[in-house]
Amino acid sequence: MTAREGAQRLGVSPRTIQRLVAEPRADFEARAQERRQRAVELREQGLKYREIAEEMGCSVGTVGTLLHHARKSGTSDQRQASA
């Protein structure tokens, strides 16, 4: 069922339905951070993007994006500084 269909059934706006079923932002951010850290860990072990993608069950493009965001946010730098 889509948000629009649920909204029509309940007599509310689609946005109301989306807000009710949405994952809390803090939970989403924590999950995203864990995925970025996992990708960085695998890359530091010498795995290629394709191998990381297979290990994490995602596309090679997603691995590139995860690693890019990790570098951009300093996740990979923080790991190296703490090592």
Protein backbone atom coordinates (compact mmCIF):
# COMPACT_ATOMS: atom_id res chain seq x y z
CA MET A 1 0.00 0.00 0.00
CA THR A 2 1.32 3.45 -0.86
CA ALA A 3 1.13 6.51 1.38
CA ARG A 4 -1.46 7.97 -0.96
CA GLU A 5 -3.66 4.87 -0.75
CA GLY A 6 -3.39 4.78 3.04
CA ALA A 7 -4.20 8.46 3.26
CA GLN A 8 -7.33 8.02 1.16
CA ARG A 9 -8.47 5.11 3.32
CA LEU A 10 -7.90 6.98 6.57
CA GLY A 11 -8.93 10.43 5.40
CA VAL A 12 -5.58 12.08 6.12
CA SER A 13 -2.79 13.52 3.98
CA PRO A 14 -0.12 11.29 2.41
CA ARG A 15 2.48 13.25 4.39
CA THR A 16 0.79 12.22 7.64
CA ILE A 17 1.12 8.58 6.66
CA GLN A 18 4.78 9.08 5.70
CA ARG A 19 5.55 10.68 9.06
CA LEU A 20 3.85 7.83 10.93
CA VAL A 21 5.83 5.08 9.23
CA ALA A 22 9.16 6.87 8.78
CA GLU A 23 12.26 5.65 10.56
CA PRO A 24 13.45 8.15 13.18
CA ARG A 25 16.23 10.33 11.77
CA ALA A 26 18.68 9.42 14.54
CA ASP A 27 18.20 5.71 13.79
CA PHE A 28 18.72 6.29 10.07
CA GLU A 29 21.88 8.33 10.69
CA ALA A 30 23.29 5.67 13.03
CA ARG A 31 22.63 2.92 10.48
CA ALA A 32 24.22 4.99 7.71
CA GLN A 33 27.29 5.65 9.85
CA GLU A 34 27.66 1.93 10.57
CA ARG A 35 27.49 1.13 6.83
CA ARG A 36 30.13 3.77 6.05
CA GLN A 37 32.41 2.41 8.80
CA ARG A 38 32.01 -1.15 7.53
CA ALA A 39 32.92 -0.08 3.99
CA VAL A 40 36.00 1.77 5.28
CA GLU A 41 37.06 -1.26 7.34
CA LEU A 42 36.78 -3.56 4.35
CA ARG A 43 38.66 -1.11 2.13
CA GLU A 44 41.44 -0.85 4.73
CA GLN A 45 41.72 -4.65 4.58
CA GLY A 46 42.60 -4.26 0.90
CA LEU A 47 39.31 -5.36 -0.64
CA LYS A 48 38.32 -3.96 -4.01
CA TYR A 49 35.06 -2.07 -4.47
CA ARG A 50 33.51 -5.13 -6.15
CA GLU A 51 34.50 -7.38 -3.24
CA ILE A 52 33.15 -4.88 -0.71
CA ALA A 53 29.88 -4.71 -2.65
CA GLU A 54 29.54 -8.50 -2.56
CA GLU A 55 30.34 -8.60 1.17
CA MET A 56 27.84 -5.85 2.01
CA GLY A 57 25.15 -6.92 -0.45
CA CYS A 58 25.04 -3.67 -2.38
CA SER A 59 26.19 -2.26 -5.72
CA VAL A 60 29.70 -1.11 -6.56
CA GLY A 61 28.30 2.41 -6.98
CA THR A 62 26.92 2.32 -3.45
CA VAL A 63 30.33 1.31 -2.13
CA GLY A 64 31.86 4.29 -3.90
CA THR A 65 29.24 6.58 -2.41
CA LEU A 66 29.73 5.15 1.10
CA LEU A 67 33.49 5.62 0.91
CA HIS A 68 33.10 9.12 -0.54
CA HIS A 69 30.80 10.16 2.29
CA ALA A 70 33.12 8.56 4.83
CA ARG A 71 36.06 10.59 3.48
CA LYS A 72 33.93 13.72 3.32
CA SER A 73 32.74 13.33 6.93
CA GLY A 74 36.21 12.40 8.15
CA THR A 75 35.20 8.86 9.18
CA SER A 76 38.21 7.27 7.50
CA ASP A 77 40.54 9.96 8.89
CA GLN A 78 39.22 9.46 12.42
CA ARG A 79 39.85 5.72 12.18
CA GLN A 80 43.44 6.28 11.03
CA ALA A 81 44.10 8.82 13.80
CA SER A 82 42.83 6.46 16.49
CA ALA A 83 44.92 3.53 15.20
